[in-house]
Amino acid sequence: MDKIAVLIPCYNESKTIEKVVKDFKERLPEAVIYVYDNNSTDDTAAIAEAAGAVVRHEYMQGKGNVIRRMFREIDAQAYIMTDGDDTYPAECAAEMAGYILSGEADMVVGDRLSSTYFTENKRMFHNFGNSIVRKSINCLFKSNIKDVMTGYRAFSYSFVKTFPVLSHGFEIETEMTIHAVDKRMPVKNVIIDYRDRPDGSESKLNTYSDGLKVLATIVRLYKNYHPFRFFTAIAALLMAIAIAFFIPVFVDFIETGLVPKIPTLVMCGFAAIAALQAYFSGMILSTMNQKNKHDFEMKLIDVYDKYMRLIKEQGGTGI
């Protein structure tokens, strides 16, 4: 088991990967630097290996697929995840790892948005999208995460080995954030100085398509983690529609004794039934979700036991 593992997912980062590897080796000399190449068509893998990184490969395209393999293959007391584009400062890595090693946090977020992100990042819609995502998650999940989309994070062994990677691409950061909040894992925010990509280095993030995927992920995860709230909101909307259309029909019936708008009445009935179905679906799924939380707590115990065994095998002490 490594004390600190630096995880760098890469796709065509030949212009910057050497500097990133050397910066982290200098700031964290005790760390093992892992570069996972994701089908690069340039010399990213060779340059990273020459710089002193352990190079491995993930052949399924997408950042989420790379993170899944990293988390599955590597055991460490603390993990630092960063990008290979030299936008995140290695100077903050020791502080972030310190929170993990001391047991103060299970996830540390490298907060760009409270620092230089909005001035350094030249892509206007990226700035707007980050703000929307942050406000949405903090509102829906009652959290205080300063930067949801940052790729600079630190994790504990418990987080890494219990996090189910479901996303294929850049939605992975959103998943990580919501998982930590929902599972009551302590989160720390560390303000970092973000710098934009150097000339010649291109972002792999598509502002519009990936942005829509992130928003869809928020809705999907809200449904999964808070099914009662989600389906109750749908039930309330359907019942409101049913009542709004039923009132004129009822008034006509009181005044004339006739029901001239039978199709409207039938529609109101179907909407009311759908509302009841949504409400009871939310109740059932909420009970199942509570059972999943119980199972997760038991899994945490097993993961911690395994962690302590690995530590003892190395003659060290755990957190």
Foldseek 3Di string as FASTA:
>chain_A
DQAEEEEEEDAALVVFQLVVLLQLCVQCVSYAYEYEYAPHPDCNQVSNVVSPHHYHYDPQDAPLSSLLVVLVPDDHQKYKFAYRQPFFHSNCVVVQSVCSQVPVFQKEAAAAPVACCVPQDPPVLVNVLQVVLQVVCCVLLVDDDRTQQHRTMMGGNLLSVLQDRDDGYSLRSNSSVSVCSLLVTGYHYDYTHGHDGDPPDDDPDDSPPVSVVNVVVSLVVSCQSQVQVNLLVVLVVLLVVLVVLVVVQVVCCVVPVDRPCVVSNVSSVVSNVSSVVSNVVSVVSVVVSVVVSVVSVVVSVVSVVVSQVVQVVVVHGGD
